[in-house]
Protein backbone atom coordinates (compact mmCIF):
# COMPACT_ATOMS: atom_id res chain seq x y z
CA UNK A 1 -32.85 -24.07 13.72
CA UNK A 2 -33.86 -23.56 10.41
CA UNK A 3 -37.17 -23.21 8.87
CA UNK A 4 -37.11 -27.05 8.04
CA UNK A 5 -36.25 -27.91 11.45
CA UNK A 6 -34.12 -30.64 10.01
CA UNK A 7 -30.39 -29.49 10.28
CA UNK A 8 -28.42 -28.72 6.84
CA UNK A 9 -24.97 -29.77 6.42
CA UNK A 10 -23.48 -26.42 5.11
CA UNK A 11 -19.71 -25.12 4.23
CA UNK A 12 -18.17 -22.60 4.04
CA UNK A 13 -15.15 -21.57 2.36
CA UNK A 14 -13.07 -18.70 3.77
CA UNK A 15 -14.57 -19.01 7.05
CA UNK A 16 -10.93 -17.95 9.54
CA UNK A 17 -12.30 -14.36 10.40
CA UNK A 18 -14.31 -11.53 9.47
CA UNK A 19 -17.38 -12.31 7.45
CA UNK A 20 -16.62 -16.00 7.20
CA UNK A 21 -16.78 -16.64 10.36
CA UNK A 22 -19.48 -14.82 11.52
CA UNK A 23 -21.43 -17.14 9.09
CA UNK A 24 -20.41 -20.08 10.38
CA UNK A 25 -21.75 -19.09 13.67
CA UNK A 26 -24.97 -18.04 12.25
CA UNK A 27 -25.56 -21.67 10.87
CA UNK A 28 -23.96 -23.56 14.37
CA UNK A 29 -26.52 -21.06 15.85
CA UNK A 30 -29.03 -22.70 13.93
CA UNK A 31 -28.32 -25.86 14.82
CA UNK A 32 -26.55 -26.85 11.69
CA UNK A 33 -23.65 -28.90 10.74
CA UNK A 34 -21.03 -26.65 9.32
CA UNK A 35 -17.71 -27.34 7.41
CA UNK A 36 -15.62 -24.13 7.51
CA UNK A 37 -12.58 -23.74 5.72
CA UNK A 38 -9.40 -22.04 6.72
CA UNK A 39 -6.07 -21.41 5.16
CA UNK A 40 -4.00 -21.71 8.15
CA UNK A 41 -4.63 -24.40 10.99
CA UNK A 42 -3.77 -21.50 13.43
CA UNK A 43 -7.29 -19.87 13.69
CA UNK A 44 -8.78 -18.59 16.68
CA UNK A 45 -11.73 -17.71 15.75
CA UNK A 46 -13.11 -20.80 14.00
CA UNK A 47 -10.62 -22.53 17.05
CA UNK A 48 -13.46 -21.23 19.49
CA UNK A 49 -16.43 -21.84 17.86
CA UNK A 50 -15.34 -25.26 17.27
CA UNK A 51 -14.91 -25.58 21.34
CA UNK A 52 -18.62 -24.03 21.90
CA UNK A 53 -19.97 -26.10 19.29
CA UNK A 54 -17.66 -29.06 19.28
CA UNK A 55 -20.90 -32.09 17.94
CA UNK A 56 -21.43 -29.19 14.83
CA UNK A 57 -18.48 -27.80 13.39
CA UNK A 58 -15.81 -29.42 11.39
CA UNK A 59 -12.55 -27.77 10.59
CA UNK A 60 -10.92 -28.29 7.08
CA UNK A 61 -7.30 -26.35 5.91
CA UNK A 62 -7.67 -24.94 1.95
CA UNK A 63 -6.15 -21.99 0.44
CA UNK A 64 -8.53 -21.73 -2.95
CA UNK A 65 -5.61 -20.48 -4.63
CA UNK A 66 -3.84 -24.19 -4.99
CA UNK A 67 -6.51 -26.56 -7.23
CA UNK A 68 -5.01 -29.79 -5.20
CA UNK A 69 -6.09 -28.75 -2.52
CA UNK A 70 -9.24 -27.86 -3.21
CA UNK A 71 -9.73 -31.31 -5.43
CA UNK A 72 -8.26 -33.75 -1.64
CA UNK A 73 -11.11 -31.36 -0.18
CA UNK A 74 -13.46 -32.89 -2.70
CA UNK A 75 -11.67 -36.43 -1.71
CA UNK A 76 -12.52 -35.96 1.90
CA UNK A 77 -15.98 -34.86 1.53
CA UNK A 78 -16.73 -37.87 -1.04
CA UNK A 79 -14.96 -40.51 1.04
CA UNK A 80 -17.09 -39.42 4.20
CA UNK A 81 -19.89 -39.40 2.58
CA UNK A 82 -21.00 -35.69 2.97
CA UNK A 83 -23.56 -34.39 1.07
CA UNK A 84 -24.22 -30.51 1.16
CA UNK A 85 -27.39 -28.69 1.53
CA UNK A 86 -25.21 -25.63 1.01
CA UNK A 87 -21.83 -24.12 -0.38
CA UNK A 88 -20.88 -20.74 0.05
CA UNK A 89 -17.92 -19.54 -0.65
CA UNK A 90 -16.45 -16.27 0.57
CA UNK A 91 -13.34 -14.91 -0.96
CA UNK A 92 -11.98 -11.46 -0.69
CA UNK A 93 -8.62 -9.08 -0.71
CA UNK A 94 -7.98 -6.01 -2.54
CA UNK A 95 -4.52 -3.78 -4.00
CA UNK A 96 -4.77 -0.28 -2.88
CA UNK A 97 -7.91 0.95 -3.11
CA UNK A 98 -6.90 4.58 -4.75
CA UNK A 99 -5.14 3.06 -7.77
CA UNK A 100 -6.86 3.13 -10.90
CA UNK A 101 -6.25 0.16 -13.06
CA UNK A 102 -3.84 2.34 -14.86
CA UNK A 103 -1.75 2.27 -11.54
CA UNK A 104 -2.30 -1.25 -10.58
CA UNK A 105 0.98 -3.55 -10.83
CA UNK A 106 0.57 -6.35 -12.99
CA UNK A 107 1.68 -8.93 -9.83
CA UNK A 108 -1.29 -7.31 -7.55
CA UNK A 109 -3.98 -7.39 -10.57
CA UNK A 110 -3.46 -10.95 -11.32
CA UNK A 111 -3.62 -11.85 -7.30
CA UNK A 112 -6.83 -10.03 -6.70
CA UNK A 113 -8.38 -11.80 -9.51
CA UNK A 114 -7.15 -15.26 -8.68
CA UNK A 115 -8.62 -14.73 -5.06
CA UNK A 116 -11.69 -13.13 -6.09
CA UNK A 117 -12.55 -14.65 -9.01
CA UNK A 118 -10.47 -17.76 -10.07
CA UNK A 119 -10.39 -19.56 -7.66
CA UNK A 120 -13.91 -19.26 -5.84
CA UNK A 121 -15.25 -20.53 -9.31
CA UNK A 122 -13.02 -23.71 -9.90
CA UNK A 123 -14.43 -24.31 -6.12
CA UNK A 124 -17.68 -24.38 -7.26
CA UNK A 125 -16.88 -26.21 -10.41
CA UNK A 126 -14.87 -28.54 -8.28
CA UNK A 127 -17.49 -29.01 -5.56
CA UNK A 128 -20.72 -29.27 -7.29
CA UNK A 129 -21.08 -32.70 -7.30
CA UNK A 130 -21.46 -33.10 -3.66
CA UNK A 131 -24.22 -30.46 -3.58
CA UNK A 132 -27.58 -31.49 -3.07
CA UNK A 133 -29.41 -31.75 -6.55
CA UNK A 134 -32.59 -29.14 -4.81
CA UNK A 135 -29.17 -27.62 -2.77
CA UNK A 136 -27.61 -24.05 -3.19
CA UNK A 137 -25.00 -22.52 -3.52
CA UNK A 138 -23.50 -19.12 -2.95
CA UNK A 139 -20.76 -16.48 -3.15
CA UNK A 140 -19.28 -13.79 -1.96
CA UNK A 141 -19.98 -10.73 -4.33
CA UNK A 142 -20.73 -6.98 -3.03
CA UNK A 143 -22.38 -4.07 -4.26
CA UNK A 144 -19.28 -2.65 -5.89
CA UNK A 145 -19.74 -5.76 -8.31
CA UNK A 146 -22.66 -4.19 -10.36
CA UNK A 147 -21.65 -2.19 -12.86
CA UNK A 148 -25.17 -0.22 -12.81
CA UNK A 149 -23.75 0.77 -9.56
CA UNK A 150 -20.44 2.37 -10.84
CA UNK A 151 -20.99 5.77 -10.90
CA UNK A 152 -17.91 7.23 -8.79
CA UNK A 153 -15.35 5.33 -10.70
CA UNK A 154 -12.78 4.30 -7.39
CA UNK A 155 -11.73 0.39 -6.22
CA UNK A 156 -11.43 -0.22 -10.31
CA UNK A 157 -9.55 -3.29 -9.71
CA UNK A 158 -11.80 -4.98 -7.01
CA UNK A 159 -14.73 -4.07 -8.82
CA UNK A 160 -13.17 -5.42 -11.94
CA UNK A 161 -12.82 -8.97 -9.75
CA UNK A 162 -16.26 -9.06 -8.44
CA UNK A 163 -18.03 -8.34 -11.73
CA UNK A 164 -16.35 -10.96 -13.36
CA UNK A 165 -17.45 -13.19 -10.65
CA UNK A 166 -21.02 -12.02 -11.49
CA UNK A 167 -20.26 -13.13 -14.44
CA UNK A 168 -18.82 -16.43 -14.27
CA UNK A 169 -21.53 -17.56 -11.44
CA UNK A 170 -23.66 -16.53 -14.18
CA UNK A 171 -22.42 -18.57 -17.05
CA UNK A 172 -21.78 -21.54 -14.76
CA UNK A 173 -25.94 -21.32 -13.74
CA UNK A 174 -26.43 -21.37 -17.53
CA UNK A 175 -24.48 -24.54 -18.15
CA UNK A 176 -26.10 -26.43 -15.48
CA UNK A 177 -29.37 -25.80 -15.69
CA UNK A 178 -30.24 -27.15 -12.50
CA UNK A 179 -34.01 -27.04 -11.78
CA UNK A 180 -33.99 -27.86 -8.14
CA UNK A 181 -30.98 -26.13 -6.99
CA UNK A 182 -30.67 -22.36 -5.75
CA UNK A 183 -27.62 -20.13 -6.76
CA UNK A 184 -26.78 -17.09 -4.81
CA UNK A 185 -24.60 -14.18 -5.40
CA UNK A 186 -24.94 -11.69 -2.06
CA UNK A 187 -23.58 -8.25 -1.31
CA UNK A 188 -23.29 -7.54 2.14
CA UNK A 189 -22.85 -4.06 2.03
CA UNK A 190 -19.47 -2.21 3.48
CA UNK A 191 -18.66 -3.63 6.72
CA UNK A 192 -15.98 -3.30 9.75
CA UNK A 193 -13.62 -5.98 8.63
CA UNK A 194 -10.11 -5.96 7.74
CA UNK A 195 -11.11 -5.82 3.64
CA UNK A 196 -13.66 -3.27 4.64
CA UNK A 197 -11.60 -1.30 6.98
CA UNK A 198 -12.72 0.44 10.01
CA UNK A 199 -14.42 4.09 8.35
CA UNK A 200 -17.09 1.54 6.77
CA UNK A 201 -20.37 1.56 7.29
CA UNK A 202 -21.92 -1.55 9.10
CA UNK A 203 -20.68 -3.46 11.48
CA UNK A 204 -20.31 -7.78 11.01
CA UNK A 205 -22.92 -7.96 13.54
CA UNK A 206 -25.39 -5.32 11.87
CA UNK A 207 -24.94 -7.08 8.29
CA UNK A 208 -24.25 -11.11 8.42
CA UNK A 209 -27.60 -12.17 10.67
CA UNK A 210 -29.43 -10.37 7.80
CA UNK A 211 -27.74 -12.03 5.54
CA UNK A 212 -28.14 -14.88 6.68
CA UNK A 213 -31.77 -14.75 7.08
CA UNK A 214 -32.00 -13.40 3.28
CA UNK A 215 -29.66 -16.83 2.07
CA UNK A 216 -32.52 -19.12 4.37
CA UNK A 217 -35.41 -17.17 2.54
CA UNK A 218 -34.66 -17.41 -0.29
CA UNK A 219 -33.09 -20.59 -0.04
CA UNK A 220 -35.57 -23.66 -2.62
CA UNK A 221 -36.23 -20.71 -5.11
CA UNK A 222 -34.63 -22.47 -7.73
CA UNK A 223 -32.32 -19.78 -10.42
CA UNK A 224 -30.10 -17.35 -9.53
CA UNK A 225 -30.27 -14.26 -6.74
CA UNK A 226 -28.14 -11.65 -6.95
CA UNK A 227 -29.08 -9.96 -3.38
CA UNK A 228 -27.80 -7.75 -0.51
CA UNK A 229 -28.18 -8.69 3.29
CA UNK A 230 -30.82 -6.46 3.21
CA UNK A 231 -32.69 -8.52 1.00
CA UNK A 232 -32.72 -6.17 -1.61
CA UNK A 233 -32.26 -7.27 -4.85
CA UNK A 234 -29.09 -5.62 -6.57
CA UNK A 235 -28.75 -5.18 -10.48
CA UNK A 236 -26.27 -5.97 -12.98
């Protein structure tokens, strides 16, 4: 159970596998009510969790790159009179990591930016009214979204997509200065997932419980927080 001993209503966008799936599991283990989205009904990880937590987990189909699907999800939530305590958007794709900005095709550049940057912010803009005024909204960014920390010039497009996500999140908060709401930009570390690869430094089990603990530690601390999974502030 969370620190208030009252179950939270949590919506995790992009939860079919990897980091998103692990976040869902952590909130279920805390006793919270979770809505998790996946692009496909064939999401074995979520279906297994639903079997273990049938009263706590609801699965919704959503491809965040299609605004009409986001609007439809909002309509379903409103019709069900759902009020969220926490909305978290997890999205991450990458092009070939060795490609520089000079190498990447326009098609691949647009795909990464659409998935990692534009679509998450469209989701937040669309669903903000479903979140309680004292609730929290977060996105999964990356330490590679830090301009300060870019010392090697690698992974140009992925870095740019996450830096742009950070900027758009900061702009969103500036336009919606609700004094009771908390906003998160999270950096999960280099994790062994389909995106991170087998050479990554951490496992999902090493990072995600700590990331969720960090989120819960700062929930209610209003304003915008750019944090890593070890509760360290990430420089812009």
